[in-house]
């Protein structure tokens, strides 16, 4: 282990879609896991409270990119207009890349569904790229290191 931290600017996102498409994103946030703890007070033991390990909860992952097609909006539209049967959950990876473009860490999320889409903020007073973001709720996050 070199002890040199990885940059936050080199990453690749791959989502398993029906078409096998991959998206380019300018920002990823929400890589977070929390273990819930329940306090247990034992009668006669006044000097401590026992901490019982509960279930894990995962933050939603937010993907942000320049607005270029309707793919992200199309995905959440399928959820909004869901009438039962056939809603496909998707899994994916977020890979942190070293300076040569090789993955050094991979975060894998599973069974994701879109829960929020934000469209571009439009203003004649700005000279900026129109961006969109998609928030994904998922059922788990794992990390693997490159070997």
N, C-alpha and C. Protein backbone atom coordinates (compact mmCIF):
# COMPACT_ATOMS: atom_id res chain seq x y z
N UNK A 1 0.85 -1.18 0.00
CA UNK A 1 0.00 0.00 0.00
C UNK A 1 0.89 1.24 0.00
N UNK A 2 0.66 2.13 -0.93
CA UNK A 2 1.54 3.27 -1.10
C UNK A 2 1.21 4.42 -0.15
N UNK A 3 0.03 4.51 0.34
CA UNK A 3 -0.35 5.61 1.21
C UNK A 3 -0.71 6.87 0.46
N UNK A 4 -0.73 6.84 -0.85
CA UNK A 4 -1.10 8.00 -1.65
C UNK A 4 -2.60 7.95 -1.90
N UNK A 5 -3.32 9.00 -1.51
CA UNK A 5 -4.78 8.96 -1.70
C UNK A 5 -5.16 9.02 -3.18
N UNK A 6 -6.29 8.43 -3.50
CA UNK A 6 -6.80 8.43 -4.86
C UNK A 6 -7.51 9.75 -5.14
N UNK A 7 -7.42 10.18 -6.39
CA UNK A 7 -8.13 11.39 -6.79
C UNK A 7 -9.63 11.13 -6.91
N UNK A 8 -10.43 12.17 -6.69
CA UNK A 8 -11.88 12.05 -6.80
C UNK A 8 -12.38 12.40 -8.20
N UNK A 9 -11.46 12.70 -9.11
CA UNK A 9 -11.85 13.15 -10.44
C UNK A 9 -11.85 12.05 -11.49
N UNK A 10 -11.21 10.93 -11.19
CA UNK A 10 -11.16 9.83 -12.16
C UNK A 10 -12.06 8.69 -11.73
N UNK A 11 -13.19 8.55 -12.40
CA UNK A 11 -14.12 7.48 -12.05
C UNK A 11 -14.93 7.07 -13.26
N UNK A 12 -15.54 5.89 -13.17
CA UNK A 12 -16.38 5.38 -14.24
C UNK A 12 -17.61 4.74 -13.60
N UNK A 13 -18.78 5.03 -14.14
CA UNK A 13 -20.04 4.47 -13.66
C UNK A 13 -20.59 3.55 -14.74
N UNK A 14 -20.93 2.34 -14.35
CA UNK A 14 -21.56 1.39 -15.27
C UNK A 14 -22.84 0.89 -14.62
N UNK A 15 -23.95 1.01 -15.34
CA UNK A 15 -25.24 0.54 -14.85
C UNK A 15 -25.74 -0.53 -15.79
N UNK A 16 -26.16 -1.65 -15.23
CA UNK A 16 -26.70 -2.74 -16.04
C UNK A 16 -28.09 -2.36 -16.50
N UNK A 17 -28.19 -1.96 -17.75
CA UNK A 17 -29.48 -1.57 -18.32
C UNK A 17 -29.94 -2.62 -19.31
N UNK A 18 -31.20 -2.52 -19.68
CA UNK A 18 -31.76 -3.47 -20.65
C UNK A 18 -31.02 -3.39 -21.98
N UNK A 19 -30.56 -2.20 -22.33
CA UNK A 19 -29.86 -2.02 -23.60
C UNK A 19 -28.35 -2.20 -23.47
N UNK A 20 -27.88 -2.37 -22.24
CA UNK A 20 -26.44 -2.50 -22.03
C UNK A 20 -25.72 -1.17 -22.10
N UNK A 21 -26.46 -0.05 -22.04
CA UNK A 21 -25.86 1.27 -22.16
C UNK A 21 -25.06 1.63 -20.92
N UNK A 22 -24.06 2.49 -21.14
CA UNK A 22 -23.26 3.03 -20.05
C UNK A 22 -23.38 4.54 -20.12
N UNK A 23 -23.42 5.18 -18.96
CA UNK A 23 -23.56 6.62 -18.93
C UNK A 23 -22.27 7.29 -18.50
N UNK A 24 -22.09 8.52 -18.94
CA UNK A 24 -20.97 9.34 -18.50
C UNK A 24 -21.51 10.35 -17.51
N UNK A 25 -20.89 10.43 -16.36
CA UNK A 25 -21.37 11.31 -15.32
C UNK A 25 -20.25 12.22 -14.85
N UNK A 26 -20.62 13.43 -14.46
CA UNK A 26 -19.63 14.38 -13.98
C UNK A 26 -19.51 14.36 -12.46
N UNK A 27 -20.50 13.75 -11.80
CA UNK A 27 -20.47 13.75 -10.34
C UNK A 27 -21.25 12.56 -9.80
N UNK A 28 -20.72 11.95 -8.75
CA UNK A 28 -21.40 10.88 -8.03
C UNK A 28 -21.34 11.22 -6.55
N UNK A 29 -22.47 11.11 -5.86
CA UNK A 29 -22.47 11.33 -4.42
C UNK A 29 -23.41 10.33 -3.76
N UNK A 30 -23.26 10.18 -2.46
CA UNK A 30 -24.14 9.30 -1.70
C UNK A 30 -23.57 7.92 -1.44
N UNK A 31 -22.28 7.72 -1.64
CA UNK A 31 -21.69 6.42 -1.31
C UNK A 31 -21.54 6.37 0.21
N UNK A 32 -22.54 5.80 0.86
CA UNK A 32 -22.57 5.82 2.32
C UNK A 32 -23.34 4.61 2.85
N UNK A 33 -22.84 4.05 3.93
CA UNK A 33 -23.52 2.96 4.62
C UNK A 33 -23.48 3.25 6.11
N UNK A 34 -24.57 2.94 6.77
CA UNK A 34 -24.67 3.16 8.21
C UNK A 34 -25.25 1.93 8.87
N UNK A 35 -24.66 1.52 9.99
CA UNK A 35 -25.19 0.40 10.77
C UNK A 35 -26.03 1.00 11.89
N UNK A 36 -27.29 0.60 11.94
CA UNK A 36 -28.18 1.08 12.98
C UNK A 36 -27.92 0.32 14.27
N UNK A 37 -28.01 1.04 15.39
CA UNK A 37 -27.72 0.46 16.70
C UNK A 37 -28.92 0.70 17.60
N UNK A 38 -29.26 -0.31 18.39
CA UNK A 38 -30.35 -0.21 19.36
C UNK A 38 -29.75 -0.23 20.76
N UNK A 39 -30.17 0.70 21.60
CA UNK A 39 -29.72 0.71 22.99
C UNK A 39 -30.50 -0.31 23.80
N UNK A 40 -29.80 -1.04 24.65
CA UNK A 40 -30.43 -2.00 25.56
C UNK A 40 -29.97 -1.66 26.96
N UNK A 41 -30.92 -1.28 27.77
CA UNK A 41 -30.64 -0.95 29.17
C UNK A 41 -30.90 -2.20 29.99
N UNK A 42 -29.87 -2.63 30.70
CA UNK A 42 -29.99 -3.83 31.55
C UNK A 42 -30.23 -3.39 32.99
N UNK A 43 -31.29 -3.94 33.59
CA UNK A 43 -31.62 -3.60 34.97
C UNK A 43 -30.47 -3.93 35.91
N UNK A 44 -30.15 -3.01 36.81
CA UNK A 44 -29.08 -3.21 37.77
C UNK A 44 -27.70 -2.87 37.24
N UNK A 45 -27.57 -2.64 35.93
CA UNK A 45 -26.28 -2.25 35.33
C UNK A 45 -26.41 -0.78 34.97
N UNK A 46 -25.98 0.07 35.88
CA UNK A 46 -26.19 1.51 35.72
C UNK A 46 -25.02 2.23 35.07
N UNK A 47 -23.89 1.55 34.91
CA UNK A 47 -22.70 2.22 34.40
C UNK A 47 -22.57 2.17 32.87
N UNK A 48 -23.45 1.43 32.19
CA UNK A 48 -23.33 1.33 30.73
C UNK A 48 -24.68 1.01 30.10
N UNK A 49 -24.78 1.26 28.85
CA UNK A 49 -25.91 0.86 28.03
C UNK A 49 -25.36 -0.04 26.93
N UNK A 50 -25.91 -1.21 26.79
CA UNK A 50 -25.46 -2.14 25.75
C UNK A 50 -25.92 -1.63 24.38
N UNK A 51 -25.07 -1.80 23.40
CA UNK A 51 -25.37 -1.40 22.03
C UNK A 51 -25.54 -2.65 21.19
N UNK A 52 -26.74 -2.88 20.67
CA UNK A 52 -27.02 -4.04 19.83
C UNK A 52 -26.96 -3.63 18.37
N UNK A 53 -26.23 -4.43 17.60
CA UNK A 53 -26.08 -4.13 16.17
C UNK A 53 -27.38 -4.47 15.45
N UNK A 54 -27.84 -3.53 14.65
CA UNK A 54 -29.07 -3.72 13.88
C UNK A 54 -28.75 -3.86 12.40
N UNK A 55 -29.71 -3.50 11.59
CA UNK A 55 -29.54 -3.62 10.14
C UNK A 55 -28.73 -2.46 9.59
N UNK A 56 -28.22 -2.65 8.40
CA UNK A 56 -27.49 -1.60 7.70
C UNK A 56 -28.46 -0.80 6.84
N UNK A 57 -28.18 0.47 6.69
CA UNK A 57 -28.97 1.29 5.78
C UNK A 57 -28.01 2.02 4.85
N UNK A 58 -28.44 2.22 3.62
CA UNK A 58 -27.60 2.79 2.58
C UNK A 58 -28.22 4.10 2.09
N UNK A 59 -27.38 5.10 1.94
CA UNK A 59 -27.85 6.37 1.38
C UNK A 59 -28.16 6.19 -0.10
N UNK A 60 -29.03 7.03 -0.60
CA UNK A 60 -29.30 7.04 -2.03
C UNK A 60 -28.07 7.57 -2.77
N UNK A 61 -27.83 7.02 -3.94
CA UNK A 61 -26.71 7.46 -4.79
C UNK A 61 -27.27 8.46 -5.80
N UNK A 62 -26.59 9.59 -5.94
CA UNK A 62 -26.99 10.61 -6.91
C UNK A 62 -25.95 10.69 -8.02
N UNK A 63 -26.43 10.59 -9.25
CA UNK A 63 -25.60 10.70 -10.44
C UNK A 63 -25.95 11.99 -11.16
N UNK A 64 -24.94 12.77 -11.52
CA UNK A 64 -25.17 14.06 -12.17
C UNK A 64 -24.38 14.10 -13.46
N UNK A 65 -25.00 14.65 -14.50
CA UNK A 65 -24.32 14.77 -15.80
C UNK A 65 -24.95 15.90 -16.61
N UNK A 66 -24.27 16.23 -17.70
CA UNK A 66 -24.81 17.20 -18.63
C UNK A 66 -26.01 16.61 -19.35
N UNK A 67 -27.04 17.42 -19.53
CA UNK A 67 -28.27 16.97 -20.20
C UNK A 67 -27.98 16.76 -21.68
N UNK A 68 -28.10 15.50 -22.12
CA UNK A 68 -27.80 15.21 -23.53
C UNK A 68 -28.84 14.32 -24.19
N UNK A 69 -29.58 13.55 -23.43
CA UNK A 69 -30.66 12.75 -24.00
C UNK A 69 -31.67 12.48 -22.88
N UNK A 70 -32.72 11.75 -23.19
CA UNK A 70 -33.77 11.53 -22.21
C UNK A 70 -33.64 10.26 -21.41
N UNK A 71 -32.51 9.58 -21.45
CA UNK A 71 -32.38 8.28 -20.82
C UNK A 71 -32.69 8.29 -19.33
N UNK A 72 -32.14 9.26 -18.59
CA UNK A 72 -32.37 9.30 -17.14
C UNK A 72 -33.83 9.60 -16.83
N UNK A 73 -34.42 10.53 -17.56
CA UNK A 73 -35.83 10.84 -17.35
C UNK A 73 -36.71 9.66 -17.75
N UNK A 74 -36.35 8.97 -18.82
CA UNK A 74 -37.12 7.79 -19.26
C UNK A 74 -37.15 6.72 -18.17
N UNK A 75 -36.03 6.54 -17.47
CA UNK A 75 -35.96 5.52 -16.44
C UNK A 75 -36.91 5.84 -15.28
N UNK A 76 -36.92 7.08 -14.82
CA UNK A 76 -37.81 7.41 -13.70
C UNK A 76 -39.27 7.46 -14.18
N UNK A 77 -39.50 7.78 -15.44
CA UNK A 77 -40.87 7.76 -15.98
C UNK A 77 -41.48 6.37 -15.90
N UNK A 78 -40.65 5.34 -16.10
CA UNK A 78 -41.14 3.97 -15.98
C UNK A 78 -41.61 3.68 -14.56
N UNK A 79 -40.94 4.24 -13.58
CA UNK A 79 -41.33 4.06 -12.17
C UNK A 79 -42.60 4.86 -11.88
N UNK A 80 -42.64 6.10 -12.35
CA UNK A 80 -43.80 6.96 -12.12
C UNK A 80 -45.07 6.35 -12.72
N UNK A 81 -44.95 5.77 -13.90
CA UNK A 81 -46.10 5.20 -14.60
C UNK A 81 -46.25 3.70 -14.39
N UNK A 82 -45.60 3.18 -13.37
CA UNK A 82 -45.62 1.74 -13.07
C UNK A 82 -47.04 1.28 -12.73
N UNK A 83 -47.48 0.24 -13.41
CA UNK A 83 -48.83 -0.28 -13.16
C UNK A 83 -48.79 -1.74 -12.72
N UNK A 84 -47.62 -2.24 -12.39
CA UNK A 84 -47.49 -3.62 -11.91
C UNK A 84 -46.82 -4.51 -12.93
N UNK A 85 -45.96 -5.37 -12.44
CA UNK A 85 -45.28 -6.34 -13.29
C UNK A 85 -44.20 -5.75 -14.15
N UNK A 86 -43.07 -6.40 -14.20
CA UNK A 86 -42.04 -6.09 -15.16
C UNK A 86 -41.15 -4.90 -14.90
N UNK A 87 -41.22 -4.29 -13.72
CA UNK A 87 -40.32 -3.18 -13.43
C UNK A 87 -38.95 -3.76 -13.10
N UNK A 88 -37.97 -3.45 -13.94
CA UNK A 88 -36.64 -4.03 -13.77
C UNK A 88 -35.78 -3.13 -12.89
N UNK A 89 -35.30 -3.72 -11.79
CA UNK A 89 -34.31 -3.02 -10.96
C UNK A 89 -32.95 -3.23 -11.60
N UNK A 90 -32.06 -2.28 -11.38
CA UNK A 90 -30.76 -2.36 -12.02
C UNK A 90 -29.64 -2.28 -10.99
N UNK A 91 -28.55 -2.90 -11.31
CA UNK A 91 -27.36 -2.85 -10.48
C UNK A 91 -26.26 -2.15 -11.26
N UNK A 92 -25.20 -1.78 -10.56
CA UNK A 92 -24.12 -1.10 -11.25
C UNK A 92 -22.88 -1.00 -10.42
N UNK A 93 -21.86 -0.40 -11.03
CA UNK A 93 -20.58 -0.20 -10.35
C UNK A 93 -20.11 1.23 -10.52
N UNK A 94 -19.38 1.68 -9.52
CA UNK A 94 -18.69 2.96 -9.57
C UNK A 94 -17.23 2.64 -9.31
N UNK A 95 -16.40 2.89 -10.31
CA UNK A 95 -14.99 2.52 -10.22
C UNK A 95 -14.14 3.77 -10.09
N UNK A 96 -13.28 3.79 -9.06
CA UNK A 96 -12.32 4.87 -8.92
C UNK A 96 -11.07 4.46 -9.70
N UNK A 97 -10.58 5.36 -10.54
CA UNK A 97 -9.48 5.05 -11.44
C UNK A 97 -8.19 5.72 -10.98
N UNK A 98 -7.07 5.05 -11.22
CA UNK A 98 -5.77 5.68 -10.95
C UNK A 98 -5.39 6.58 -12.12
N UNK A 99 -4.19 7.14 -12.07
CA UNK A 99 -3.76 8.08 -13.12
C UNK A 99 -3.66 7.46 -14.50
N UNK A 100 -3.49 6.13 -14.55
CA UNK A 100 -3.39 5.47 -15.85
C UNK A 100 -4.75 4.99 -16.36
N UNK A 101 -5.81 5.20 -15.57
CA UNK A 101 -7.16 4.81 -15.99
C UNK A 101 -7.56 3.42 -15.55
N UNK A 102 -6.72 2.76 -14.74
CA UNK A 102 -7.06 1.42 -14.24
C UNK A 102 -7.86 1.55 -12.95
N UNK A 103 -8.90 0.70 -12.76
CA UNK A 103 -9.68 0.75 -11.52
C UNK A 103 -8.84 0.34 -10.31
N UNK A 104 -8.95 1.12 -9.24
CA UNK A 104 -8.26 0.78 -7.99
C UNK A 104 -9.25 0.39 -6.89
N UNK A 105 -10.45 0.89 -6.98
CA UNK A 105 -11.54 0.52 -6.06
C UNK A 105 -12.82 0.46 -6.87
N UNK A 106 -13.65 -0.52 -6.53
CA UNK A 106 -14.94 -0.65 -7.19
C UNK A 106 -16.03 -0.75 -6.14
N UNK A 107 -17.02 0.10 -6.27
CA UNK A 107 -18.21 0.05 -5.41
C UNK A 107 -19.35 -0.50 -6.25
N UNK A 108 -19.99 -1.53 -5.76
CA UNK A 108 -21.08 -2.17 -6.48
C UNK A 108 -22.38 -1.96 -5.70
N UNK A 109 -23.40 -1.44 -6.39
CA UNK A 109 -24.72 -1.32 -5.77
C UNK A 109 -25.67 -2.26 -6.48
N UNK A 110 -26.71 -2.72 -5.76
CA UNK A 110 -27.61 -3.70 -6.36
C UNK A 110 -29.07 -3.30 -6.20
N UNK A 111 -29.86 -3.78 -7.14
CA UNK A 111 -31.32 -3.61 -7.13
C UNK A 111 -31.76 -2.16 -6.99
N UNK A 112 -31.20 -1.30 -7.80
CA UNK A 112 -31.50 0.13 -7.74
C UNK A 112 -32.76 0.48 -8.52
N UNK A 113 -33.46 1.47 -7.99
CA UNK A 113 -34.59 2.08 -8.71
C UNK A 113 -34.44 3.60 -8.59
N UNK A 114 -34.81 4.32 -9.61
CA UNK A 114 -34.74 5.78 -9.51
C UNK A 114 -35.87 6.32 -8.63
N UNK A 115 -35.52 7.25 -7.75
CA UNK A 115 -36.52 7.83 -6.85
C UNK A 115 -36.65 9.34 -7.01
N UNK A 116 -35.71 9.95 -7.72
CA UNK A 116 -35.80 11.40 -7.91
C UNK A 116 -34.99 11.80 -9.13
N UNK A 117 -35.56 12.66 -9.95
CA UNK A 117 -34.87 13.23 -11.09
C UNK A 117 -34.94 14.74 -10.96
N UNK A 118 -33.82 15.41 -11.13
CA UNK A 118 -33.77 16.87 -11.14
C UNK A 118 -33.31 17.31 -12.51
N UNK A 119 -34.12 18.16 -13.12
CA UNK A 119 -33.77 18.70 -14.42
C UNK A 119 -32.88 19.92 -14.29
N UNK A 120 -32.52 20.51 -15.41
CA UNK A 120 -31.59 21.64 -15.40
C UNK A 120 -32.24 22.91 -14.85
N UNK A 121 -31.42 23.71 -14.19
CA UNK A 121 -31.83 25.07 -13.81
C UNK A 121 -31.51 25.95 -15.01
N UNK A 122 -32.53 26.59 -15.54
CA UNK A 122 -32.37 27.37 -16.77
C UNK A 122 -32.43 28.86 -16.46
N UNK A 123 -31.49 29.60 -17.02
CA UNK A 123 -31.45 31.04 -16.80
C UNK A 123 -30.73 31.70 -17.96
N UNK A 124 -31.28 32.80 -18.47
CA UNK A 124 -30.61 33.54 -19.54
C UNK A 124 -29.38 34.29 -19.00
N UNK A 125 -29.24 34.35 -17.68
CA UNK A 125 -28.13 35.06 -17.05
C UNK A 125 -26.92 34.15 -16.82
N UNK A 126 -27.01 32.88 -17.21
CA UNK A 126 -25.90 31.95 -16.98
C UNK A 126 -25.33 31.45 -18.29
N UNK A 127 -24.05 31.23 -18.27
CA UNK A 127 -23.37 30.61 -19.39
C UNK A 127 -22.83 29.27 -18.89
N UNK A 128 -23.74 28.32 -18.71
CA UNK A 128 -23.37 27.03 -18.12
C UNK A 128 -24.04 25.90 -18.88
N UNK A 129 -23.55 24.71 -18.68
CA UNK A 129 -24.12 23.52 -19.30
C UNK A 129 -25.36 23.11 -18.52
N UNK A 130 -26.43 22.76 -19.22
CA UNK A 130 -27.63 22.24 -18.57
C UNK A 130 -27.32 20.85 -18.01
N UNK A 131 -27.62 20.63 -16.74
CA UNK A 131 -27.33 19.35 -16.11
C UNK A 131 -28.61 18.72 -15.57
N UNK A 132 -28.55 17.42 -15.41
CA UNK A 132 -29.63 16.67 -14.79
C UNK A 132 -29.02 15.73 -13.76
N UNK A 133 -29.83 15.34 -12.78
CA UNK A 133 -29.34 14.37 -11.81
C UNK A 133 -30.43 13.34 -11.55
N UNK A 134 -29.98 12.15 -11.21
CA UNK A 134 -30.87 11.03 -10.93
C UNK A 134 -30.45 10.43 -9.61
N UNK A 135 -31.41 10.29 -8.71
CA UNK A 135 -31.15 9.70 -7.40
C UNK A 135 -31.66 8.27 -7.40
N UNK A 136 -30.80 7.35 -6.96
CA UNK A 136 -31.12 5.93 -6.96
C UNK A 136 -31.19 5.39 -5.54
N UNK A 137 -32.30 4.73 -5.21
CA UNK A 137 -32.38 3.96 -3.97
C UNK A 137 -31.94 2.54 -4.32
N UNK A 138 -31.16 1.94 -3.44
CA UNK A 138 -30.62 0.61 -3.74
C UNK A 138 -30.62 -0.25 -2.49
N UNK A 139 -30.30 -1.53 -2.65
CA UNK A 139 -30.40 -2.49 -1.56
C UNK A 139 -29.05 -3.00 -1.07
N UNK A 140 -27.99 -2.31 -1.35
CA UNK A 140 -26.72 -2.74 -0.83
C UNK A 140 -25.54 -2.18 -1.59
N UNK A 141 -24.42 -2.02 -0.87
CA UNK A 141 -23.22 -1.46 -1.44
C UNK A 141 -22.04 -2.31 -0.95
N UNK A 142 -21.21 -2.74 -1.89
CA UNK A 142 -20.00 -3.47 -1.53
C UNK A 142 -18.80 -2.79 -2.16
N UNK A 143 -17.62 -3.04 -1.58
CA UNK A 143 -16.39 -2.46 -2.10
C UNK A 143 -15.38 -3.56 -2.36
N UNK A 144 -14.71 -3.45 -3.49
CA UNK A 144 -13.60 -4.37 -3.79
C UNK A 144 -12.40 -3.56 -4.24
N UNK A 145 -11.22 -4.04 -3.90
CA UNK A 145 -9.98 -3.40 -4.31
C UNK A 145 -9.40 -4.12 -5.51
N UNK A 146 -8.72 -3.37 -6.35
CA UNK A 146 -8.03 -3.99 -7.49
C UNK A 146 -6.87 -4.82 -6.98
N UNK A 147 -6.60 -5.88 -7.67
CA UNK A 147 -5.51 -6.75 -7.24
C UNK A 147 -4.33 -6.62 -8.16
